[in-house]
PDB file of all heavy atoms in Angstrom:
ATOM      1  N   GLY A   1      26.010 129.782 116.365  1.00  0.00           N
ATOM      2  CA  GLY A   1      26.988 128.869 116.948  1.00  0.00           C
ATOM      3  C   GLY A   1      28.306 128.948 116.219  1.00  0.00           C
ATOM      4  O   GLY A   1      29.369 129.059 116.815  1.00  0.00           O
ATOM      5  N   ALA A   2      28.260 128.899 114.889  1.00  0.00           N
ATOM      6  CA  ALA A   2      29.473 128.989 114.088  1.00  0.00           C
ATOM      7  C   ALA A   2      30.123 130.342 114.268  1.00  0.00           C
ATOM      8  O   ALA A   2      31.344 130.474 114.268  1.00  0.00           O
ATOM      9  CB  ALA A   2      29.148 128.740 112.610  1.00  0.00           C
ATOM     10  N   SER A   3      29.269 131.374 114.433  1.00  0.00           N
ATOM     11  CA  SER A   3      29.820 132.710 114.610  1.00  0.00           C
ATOM     12  C   SER A   3      30.613 132.806 115.899  1.00  0.00           C
ATOM     13  O   SER A   3      31.698 133.375 115.927  1.00  0.00           O
ATOM     14  CB  SER A   3      28.682 133.739 114.639  1.00  0.00           C
ATOM     15  OG  SER A   3      29.177 135.023 114.905  1.00  0.00           O
ATOM     16  N   ALA A   4      30.113 132.212 116.970  1.00  0.00           N
ATOM     17  CA  ALA A   4      30.834 132.246 118.243  1.00  0.00           C
ATOM     18  C   ALA A   4      32.148 131.494 118.135  1.00  0.00           C
ATOM     19  O   ALA A   4      33.181 131.943 118.635  1.00  0.00           O
ATOM     20  CB  ALA A   4      29.962 131.623 119.347  1.00  0.00           C
ATOM     21  N   ALA A   5      32.103 130.331 117.447  1.00  0.00           N
ATOM     22  CA  ALA A   5      33.338 129.559 117.282  1.00  0.00           C
ATOM     23  C   ALA A   5      34.347 130.338 116.456  1.00  0.00           C
ATOM     24  O   ALA A   5      35.541 130.350 116.752  1.00  0.00           O
ATOM     25  CB  ALA A   5      33.025 128.211 116.606  1.00  0.00           C
ATOM     26  N   ALA A   6      33.845 131.002 115.405  1.00  0.00           N
ATOM     27  CA  ALA A   6      34.743 131.777 114.557  1.00  0.00           C
ATOM     28  C   ALA A   6      35.358 132.923 115.338  1.00  0.00           C
ATOM     29  O   ALA A   6      36.540 133.221 115.198  1.00  0.00           O
ATOM     30  CB  ALA A   6      33.990 132.319 113.334  1.00  0.00           C
ATOM     31  N   ARG A   7      34.535 133.576 116.182  1.00  0.00           N
ATOM     32  CA  ARG A   7      35.061 134.676 116.984  1.00  0.00           C
ATOM     33  C   ARG A   7      36.144 134.185 117.936  1.00  0.00           C
ATOM     34  O   ARG A   7      37.165 134.842 118.134  1.00  0.00           O
ATOM     35  CB  ARG A   7      33.935 135.344 117.770  1.00  0.00           C
ATOM     36  CG  ARG A   7      32.970 136.160 116.937  1.00  0.00           C
ATOM     37  CD  ARG A   7      32.081 137.025 117.810  1.00  0.00           C
ATOM     38  NE  ARG A   7      31.065 137.691 117.014  1.00  0.00           N
ATOM     39  CZ  ARG A   7      29.837 137.235 116.848  1.00  0.00           C
ATOM     40  NH1 ARG A   7      29.452 136.107 117.425  1.00  0.00           N
ATOM     41  NH2 ARG A   7      28.961 137.901 116.100  1.00  0.00           N
ATOM     42  N   GLY A   8      35.895 133.016 118.562  1.00  0.00           N
ATOM     43  CA  GLY A   8      36.882 132.474 119.490  1.00  0.00           C
ATOM     44  C   GLY A   8      38.181 132.148 118.783  1.00  0.00           C
ATOM     45  O   GLY A   8      39.267 132.462 119.275  1.00  0.00           O
ATOM     46  N   HIS A   9      38.067 131.517 117.606  1.00  0.00           N
ATOM     47  CA  HIS A   9      39.270 131.177 116.843  1.00  0.00           C
ATOM     48  C   HIS A   9      40.008 132.439 116.417  1.00  0.00           C
ATOM     49  O   HIS A   9      41.233 132.534 116.519  1.00  0.00           O
ATOM     50  CB  HIS A   9      38.872 130.354 115.608  1.00  0.00           C
ATOM     51  CG  HIS A   9      40.009 130.117 114.663  1.00  0.00           C
ATOM     52  ND1 HIS A   9      41.032 129.250 114.945  1.00  0.00           N
ATOM     53  CD2 HIS A   9      40.286 130.674 113.441  1.00  0.00           C
ATOM     54  CE1 HIS A   9      41.895 129.249 113.951  1.00  0.00           C
ATOM     55  NE2 HIS A   9      41.472 130.109 113.024  1.00  0.00           N
ATOM     56  N   HIS A  10      39.222 133.400 115.923  1.00  0.00           N
ATOM     57  CA  HIS A  10      39.855 134.643 115.465  1.00  0.00           C
ATOM     58  C   HIS A  10      40.505 135.386 116.621  1.00  0.00           C
ATOM     59  O   HIS A  10      41.570 135.974 116.465  1.00  0.00           O
ATOM     60  CB  HIS A  10      38.811 135.528 114.799  1.00  0.00           C
ATOM     61  CG  HIS A  10      39.355 136.874 114.414  1.00  0.00           C
ATOM     62  ND1 HIS A  10      40.314 137.046 113.452  1.00  0.00           N
ATOM     63  CD2 HIS A  10      39.076 138.114 114.903  1.00  0.00           C
ATOM     64  CE1 HIS A  10      40.613 138.327 113.342  1.00  0.00           C
ATOM     65  NE2 HIS A  10      39.872 139.004 114.217  1.00  0.00           N
ATOM     66  N   SER A  11      39.877 135.343 117.801  1.00  0.00           N
ATOM     67  CA  SER A  11      40.430 136.053 118.961  1.00  0.00           C
ATOM     68  C   SER A  11      41.790 135.492 119.338  1.00  0.00           C
ATOM     69  O   SER A  11      42.743 136.234 119.582  1.00  0.00           O
ATOM     70  CB  SER A  11      39.461 135.948 120.139  1.00  0.00           C
ATOM     71  OG  SER A  11      40.014 136.555 121.278  1.00  0.00           O
ATOM     72  N   THR A  12      41.885 134.138 119.385  1.00  0.00           N
ATOM     73  CA  THR A  12      43.162 133.515 119.736  1.00  0.00           C
ATOM     74  C   THR A  12      44.211 133.789 118.674  1.00  0.00           C
ATOM     75  O   THR A  12      45.354 134.167 118.979  1.00  0.00           O
ATOM     76  CB  THR A  12      42.970 131.997 119.887  1.00  0.00           C
ATOM     77  OG1 THR A  12      42.013 131.755 120.906  1.00  0.00           O
ATOM     78  CG2 THR A  12      44.288 131.332 120.273  1.00  0.00           C
ATOM     79  N   LYS A  13      43.820 133.635 117.430  1.00  0.00           N
ATOM     80  CA  LYS A  13      44.759 133.884 116.339  1.00  0.00           C
ATOM     81  C   LYS A  13      45.154 135.345 116.293  1.00  0.00           C
ATOM     82  O   LYS A  13      46.314 135.686 116.050  1.00  0.00           O
ATOM     83  CB  LYS A  13      44.115 133.465 115.019  1.00  0.00           C
ATOM     84  CG  LYS A  13      45.045 133.577 113.822  1.00  0.00           C
ATOM     85  CD  LYS A  13      44.362 133.070 112.563  1.00  0.00           C
ATOM     86  CE  LYS A  13      45.303 133.176 111.365  1.00  0.00           C
ATOM     87  NZ  LYS A  13      44.641 132.694 110.122  1.00  0.00           N
ATOM     88  N   GLY A  14      44.190 136.212 116.563  1.00  0.00           N
ATOM     89  CA  GLY A  14      44.460 137.645 116.528  1.00  0.00           C
ATOM     90  C   GLY A  14      45.446 138.067 117.596  1.00  0.00           C
ATOM     91  O   GLY A  14      46.323 138.898 117.351  1.00  0.00           O
ATOM     92  N   ARG A  15      45.312 137.483 118.801  1.00  0.00           N
ATOM     93  CA  ARG A  15      46.241 137.836 119.873  1.00  0.00           C
ATOM     94  C   ARG A  15      47.660 137.414 119.514  1.00  0.00           C
ATOM     95  O   ARG A  15      48.616 138.154 119.777  1.00  0.00           O
ATOM     96  CB  ARG A  15      45.809 137.182 121.187  1.00  0.00           C
ATOM     97  CG  ARG A  15      44.621 137.867 121.840  1.00  0.00           C
ATOM     98  CD  ARG A  15      44.465 137.401 123.278  1.00  0.00           C
ATOM     99  NE  ARG A  15      44.140 135.982 123.346  1.00  0.00           N
ATOM    100  CZ  ARG A  15      42.891 135.497 123.359  1.00  0.00           C
ATOM    101  NH1 ARG A  15      41.861 136.328 123.294  1.00  0.00           N
ATOM    102  NH2 ARG A  15      42.682 134.206 123.420  1.00  0.00           N
ATOM    103  N   ARG A  16      47.800 136.222 118.927  1.00  0.00           N
ATOM    104  CA  ARG A  16      49.126 135.780 118.503  1.00  0.00           C
ATOM    105  C   ARG A  16      49.691 136.710 117.448  1.00  0.00           C
ATOM    106  O   ARG A  16      50.880 137.052 117.460  1.00  0.00           O
ATOM    107  CB  ARG A  16      49.067 134.347 117.977  1.00  0.00           C
ATOM    108  CG  ARG A  16      48.821 133.288 119.051  1.00  0.00           C
ATOM    109  CD  ARG A  16      49.201 131.915 118.532  1.00  0.00           C
ATOM    110  NE  ARG A  16      48.430 131.536 117.360  1.00  0.00           N
ATOM    111  CZ  ARG A  16      47.318 130.807 117.415  1.00  0.00           C
ATOM    112  NH1 ARG A  16      46.847 130.391 118.594  1.00  0.00           N
ATOM    113  NH2 ARG A  16      46.669 130.492 116.314  1.00  0.00           N
ATOM    114  N   ARG A  17      48.844 137.119 116.521  1.00  0.00           N
ATOM    115  CA  ARG A  17      49.280 138.004 115.449  1.00  0.00           C
ATOM    116  C   ARG A  17      49.713 139.362 115.996  1.00  0.00           C
ATOM    117  O   ARG A  17      50.726 139.927 115.571  1.00  0.00           O
ATOM    118  CB  ARG A  17      48.146 138.181 114.434  1.00  0.00           C
ATOM    119  CG  ARG A  17      48.515 139.035 113.228  1.00  0.00           C
ATOM    120  CD  ARG A  17      49.630 138.420 112.444  1.00  0.00           C
ATOM    121  NE  ARG A  17      49.928 139.168 111.230  1.00  0.00           N
ATOM    122  CZ  ARG A  17      50.992 138.970 110.493  1.00  0.00           C
ATOM    123  NH1 ARG A  17      51.873 138.039 110.828  1.00  0.00           N
ATOM    124  NH2 ARG A  17      51.202 139.678 109.411  1.00  0.00           N
ATOM    125  N   VAL A  18      48.944 139.886 116.944  1.00  0.00           N
ATOM    126  CA  VAL A  18      49.274 141.187 117.534  1.00  0.00           C
ATOM    127  C   VAL A  18      50.619 141.125 118.233  1.00  0.00           C
ATOM    128  O   VAL A  18      51.450 142.029 118.110  1.00  0.00           O
ATOM    129  CB  VAL A  18      48.172 141.636 118.510  1.00  0.00           C
ATOM    130  CG1 VAL A  18      48.649 142.820 119.351  1.00  0.00           C
ATOM    131  CG2 VAL A  18      46.926 142.032 117.738  1.00  0.00           C
ATOM    132  N   ARG A  19      50.847 140.027 119.014  1.00  0.00           N
ATOM    133  CA  ARG A  19      52.134 139.893 119.695  1.00  0.00           C
ATOM    134  C   ARG A  19      53.268 139.844 118.690  1.00  0.00           C
ATOM    135  O   ARG A  19      54.335 140.434 118.901  1.00  0.00           O
ATOM    136  CB  ARG A  19      52.137 138.642 120.576  1.00  0.00           C
ATOM    137  CG  ARG A  19      51.284 138.774 121.837  1.00  0.00           C
ATOM    138  CD  ARG A  19      51.612 137.676 122.821  1.00  0.00           C
ATOM    139  NE  ARG A  19      51.260 136.360 122.306  1.00  0.00           N
ATOM    140  CZ  ARG A  19      50.076 135.776 122.512  1.00  0.00           C
ATOM    141  NH1 ARG A  19      49.139 136.403 123.219  1.00  0.00           N
ATOM    142  NH2 ARG A  19      49.824 134.581 122.018  1.00  0.00           N
ATOM    143  N   HIS A  20      53.049 139.117 117.584  1.00  0.00           N
ATOM    144  CA  HIS A  20      54.076 139.033 116.551  1.00  0.00           C
ATOM    145  C   HIS A  20      54.351 140.408 115.937  1.00  0.00           C
ATOM    146  O   HIS A  20      55.499 140.800 115.724  1.00  0.00           O
ATOM    147  CB  HIS A  20      53.639 138.062 115.459  1.00  0.00           C
ATOM    148  CG  HIS A  20      54.519 138.076 114.240  1.00  0.00           C
ATOM    149  ND1 HIS A  20      55.765 137.503 114.220  1.00  0.00           N
ATOM    150  CD2 HIS A  20      54.329 138.627 113.001  1.00  0.00           C
ATOM    151  CE1 HIS A  20      56.307 137.671 113.031  1.00  0.00           C
ATOM    152  NE2 HIS A  20      55.465 138.356 112.275  1.00  0.00           N
ATOM    153  N   LEU A  21      53.293 141.146 115.664  1.00  0.00           N
ATOM    154  CA  LEU A  21      53.452 142.463 115.063  1.00  0.00           C
ATOM    155  C   LEU A  21      54.132 143.432 116.010  1.00  0.00           C
ATOM    156  O   LEU A  21      54.948 144.259 115.593  1.00  0.00           O
ATOM    157  CB  LEU A  21      52.084 143.010 114.640  1.00  0.00           C
ATOM    158  CG  LEU A  21      51.414 142.272 113.468  1.00  0.00           C
ATOM    159  CD1 LEU A  21      50.003 142.775 113.279  1.00  0.00           C
ATOM    160  CD2 LEU A  21      52.217 142.454 112.190  1.00  0.00           C
ATOM    161  N   GLN A  22      53.789 143.345 117.276  1.00  0.00           N
ATOM    162  CA  GLN A  22      54.446 144.212 118.252  1.00  0.00           C
ATOM    163  C   GLN A  22      55.946 143.957 118.292  1.00  0.00           C
ATOM    164  O   GLN A  22      56.752 144.899 118.336  1.00  0.00           O
ATOM    165  CB  GLN A  22      53.830 144.008 119.637  1.00  0.00           C
ATOM    166  CG  GLN A  22      52.417 144.570 119.764  1.00  0.00           C
ATOM    167  CD  GLN A  22      51.767 144.199 121.073  1.00  0.00           C
ATOM    168  OE1 GLN A  22      52.186 143.235 121.736  1.00  0.00           O
ATOM    169  NE2 GLN A  22      50.754 144.945 121.471  1.00  0.00           N
ATOM    170  N   ALA A  23      56.331 142.682 118.295  1.00  0.00           N
ATOM    171  CA  ALA A  23      57.755 142.342 118.294  1.00  0.00           C
ATOM    172  C   ALA A  23      58.413 142.816 117.008  1.00  0.00           C
ATOM    173  O   ALA A  23      59.551 143.313 117.013  1.00  0.00           O
ATOM    174  CB  ALA A  23      57.933 140.832 118.459  1.00  0.00           C
ATOM    175  N   ARG A  24      57.703 142.687 115.885  1.00  0.00           N
ATOM    176  CA  ARG A  24      58.255 143.118 114.598  1.00  0.00           C
ATOM    177  C   ARG A  24      58.457 144.623 114.569  1.00  0.00           C
ATOM    178  O   ARG A  24      59.496 145.120 114.103  1.00  0.00           O
ATOM    179  CB  ARG A  24      57.295 142.686 113.474  1.00  0.00           C
ATOM    180  CG  ARG A  24      57.719 143.119 112.075  1.00  0.00           C
ATOM    181  CD  ARG A  24      59.020 142.507 111.689  1.00  0.00           C
ATOM    182  NE  ARG A  24      59.385 142.861 110.318  1.00  0.00           N
ATOM    183  CZ  ARG A  24      60.588 142.694 109.816  1.00  0.00           C
ATOM    184  NH1 ARG A  24      61.553 142.175 110.556  1.00  0.00           N
ATOM    185  NH2 ARG A  24      60.830 143.031 108.566  1.00  0.00           N
ATOM    186  N   ARG A  25      57.469 145.375 115.069  1.00  0.00           N
ATOM    187  CA  ARG A  25      57.606 146.832 115.082  1.00  0.00           C
ATOM    188  C   ARG A  25      58.767 147.265 115.964  1.00  0.00           C
ATOM    189  O   ARG A  25      59.508 148.190 115.633  1.00  0.00           O
ATOM    190  CB  ARG A  25      56.302 147.474 115.574  1.00  0.00           C
ATOM    191  CG  ARG A  25      55.180 147.450 114.540  1.00  0.00           C
ATOM    192  CD  ARG A  25      54.113 148.468 114.876  1.00  0.00           C
ATOM    193  NE  ARG A  25      53.498 148.201 116.171  1.00  0.00           N
ATOM    194  CZ  ARG A  25      52.466 147.381 116.362  1.00  0.00           C
ATOM    195  NH1 ARG A  25      51.941 146.756 115.324  1.00  0.00           N
ATOM    196  NH2 ARG A  25      51.968 147.204 117.559  1.00  0.00           N
ATOM    197  N   LEU A  26      58.929 146.584 117.123  1.00  0.00           N
ATOM    198  CA  LEU A  26      60.026 146.926 118.013  1.00  0.00           C
ATOM    199  C   LEU A  26      61.372 146.699 117.326  1.00  0.00           C
ATOM    200  O   LEU A  26      62.287 147.521 117.412  1.00  0.00           O
ATOM    201  CB  LEU A  26      59.938 146.098 119.297  1.00  0.00           C
ATOM    202  CG  LEU A  26      61.068 146.318 120.317  1.00  0.00           C
ATOM    203  CD1 LEU A  26      61.074 147.774 120.781  1.00  0.00           C
ATOM    204  CD2 LEU A  26      60.892 145.380 121.508  1.00  0.00           C
ATOM    205  N   HIS A  27      61.486 145.561 116.620  1.00  0.00           N
ATOM    206  CA  HIS A  27      62.734 145.255 115.908  1.00  0.00           C
ATOM    207  C   HIS A  27      63.017 146.297 114.842  1.00  0.00           C
ATOM    208  O   HIS A  27      64.153 146.774 114.703  1.00  0.00           O
ATOM    209  CB  HIS A  27      62.641 143.871 115.271  1.00  0.00           C
ATOM    210  CG  HIS A  27      63.774 143.559 114.339  1.00  0.00           C
ATOM    211  ND1 HIS A  27      65.041 143.279 114.785  1.00  0.00           N
ATOM    212  CD2 HIS A  27      63.824 143.508 112.984  1.00  0.00           C
ATOM    213  CE1 HIS A  27      65.821 143.063 113.751  1.00  0.00           C
ATOM    214  NE2 HIS A  27      65.108 143.196 112.640  1.00  0.00           N
ATOM    215  N   LEU A  28      61.999 146.681 114.084  1.00  0.00           N
ATOM    216  CA  LEU A  28      62.202 147.642 113.012  1.00  0.00           C
ATOM    217  C   LEU A  28      62.548 149.025 113.545  1.00  0.00           C
ATOM    218  O   LEU A  28      63.372 149.732 112.976  1.00  0.00           O
ATOM    219  CB  LEU A  28      60.946 147.716 112.138  1.00  0.00           C
ATOM    220  CG  LEU A  28      60.695 146.479 111.257  1.00  0.00           C
ATOM    221  CD1 LEU A  28      59.347 146.578 110.590  1.00  0.00           C
ATOM    222  CD2 LEU A  28      61.794 146.323 110.220  1.00  0.00           C
ATOM    223  N   ARG A  29      61.933 149.409 114.660  1.00  0.00           N
ATOM    224  CA  ARG A  29      62.275 150.705 115.248  1.00  0.00           C
ATOM    225  C   ARG A  29      63.708 150.705 115.762  1.00  0.00           C
ATOM    226  O   ARG A  29      64.421 151.704 115.642  1.00  0.00           O
ATOM    227  CB  ARG A  29      61.298 151.034 116.380  1.00  0.00           C
ATOM    228  CG  ARG A  29      59.903 151.414 115.867  1.00  0.00           C
ATOM    229  CD  ARG A  29      59.078 152.086 116.944  1.00  0.00           C
ATOM    230  NE  ARG A  29      57.793 152.513 116.415  1.00  0.00           N
ATOM    231  CZ  ARG A  29      56.661 151.840 116.554  1.00  0.00           C
ATOM    232  NH1 ARG A  29      56.650 150.717 117.225  1.00  0.00           N
ATOM    233  NH2 ARG A  29      55.537 152.304 116.041  1.00  0.00           N
ATOM    234  N   ASN A  30      64.138 149.572 116.355  1.00  0.00           N
ATOM    235  CA  ASN A  30      65.533 149.482 116.792  1.00  0.00           C
ATOM    236  C   ASN A  30      66.477 149.583 115.604  1.00  0.00           C
ATOM    237  O   ASN A  30      67.529 150.225 115.676  1.00  0.00           O
ATOM    238  CB  ASN A  30      65.770 148.175 117.546  1.00  0.00           C
ATOM    239  CG  ASN A  30      65.111 148.162 118.916  1.00  0.00           C
ATOM    240  OD1 ASN A  30      64.847 149.228 119.478  1.00  0.00           O
ATOM    241  ND2 ASN A  30      64.851 146.987 119.443  1.00  0.00           N
ATOM    242  N   THR A  31      66.105 148.928 114.508  1.00  0.00           N
ATOM    243  CA  THR A  31      66.925 149.006 113.290  1.00  0.00           C
ATOM    244  C   THR A  31      66.997 150.431 112.774  1.00  0.00           C
ATOM    245  O   THR A  31      68.057 150.906 112.361  1.00  0.00           O
ATOM    246  CB  THR A  31      66.342 148.086 112.197  1.00  0.00           C
ATOM    247  OG1 THR A  31      66.335 146.733 112.673  1.00  0.00           O
ATOM    248  CG2 THR A  31      67.164 148.164 110.918  1.00  0.00           C
ATOM    249  N   GLN A  32      65.866 151.134 112.828  1.00  0.00           N
ATOM    250  CA  GLN A  32      65.843 152.519 112.367  1.00  0.00           C
ATOM    251  C   GLN A  32      66.744 153.397 113.224  1.00  0.00           C
ATOM    252  O   GLN A  32      67.450 154.266 112.713  1.00  0.00           O
ATOM    253  CB  GLN A  32      64.408 153.042 112.396  1.00  0.00           C
ATOM    254  CG  GLN A  32      64.229 154.382 111.671  1.00  0.00           C
ATOM    255  CD  GLN A  32      62.784 154.800 111.635  1.00  0.00           C
ATOM    256  OE1 GLN A  32      62.102 154.717 112.657  1.00  0.00           O
ATOM    257  NE2 GLN A  32      62.311 155.247 110.489  1.00  0.00           N
ATOM    258  N   ARG A  33      66.738 153.147 114.541  1.00  0.00           N
ATOM    259  CA  ARG A  33      67.608 153.927 115.401  1.00  0.00           C
ATOM    260  C   ARG A  33      69.082 153.635 115.088  1.00  0.00           C
ATOM    261  O   ARG A  33      69.927 154.536 115.110  1.00  0.00           O
ATOM    262  CB  ARG A  33      67.307 153.599 116.881  1.00  0.00           C
ATOM    263  CG  ARG A  33      66.057 154.290 117.390  1.00  0.00           C
ATOM    264  CD  ARG A  33      66.008 154.244 118.905  1.00  0.00           C
ATOM    265  NE  ARG A  33      65.826 152.883 119.406  1.00  0.00           N
ATOM    266  CZ  ARG A  33      64.616 152.355 119.635  1.00  0.00           C
ATOM    267  NH1 ARG A  33      63.522 153.078 119.431  1.00  0.00           N
ATOM    268  NH2 ARG A  33      64.517 151.123 120.107  1.00  0.00           N
ATOM    269  N   GLU A  34      69.405 152.342 114.805  1.00  0.00           N
ATOM    270  CA  GLU A  34      70.775 151.989 114.441  1.00  0.00           C
ATOM    271  C   GLU A  34      71.177 152.700 113.148  1.00  0.00           C
ATOM    272  O   GLU A  34      72.302 153.180 113.019  1.00  0.00           O
ATOM    273  CB  GLU A  34      70.900 150.469 114.256  1.00  0.00           C
ATOM    274  CG  GLU A  34      70.744 149.687 115.560  1.00  0.00           C
ATOM    275  CD  GLU A  34      70.773 148.194 115.301  1.00  0.00           C
ATOM    276  OE1 GLU A  34      70.931 147.816 114.125  1.00  0.00           O
ATOM    277  OE2 GLU A  34      70.624 147.434 116.262  1.00  0.00           O
TER     278      GLU A  34
END
């Protein structure tokens, strides 16, 4: 039960983190091109 809850929490947190990282990588690549 705790494992399922942990997976659900991690999944939501992980998706937010991935979106943040994607935006960060895009910004850094734009900076590199500049």
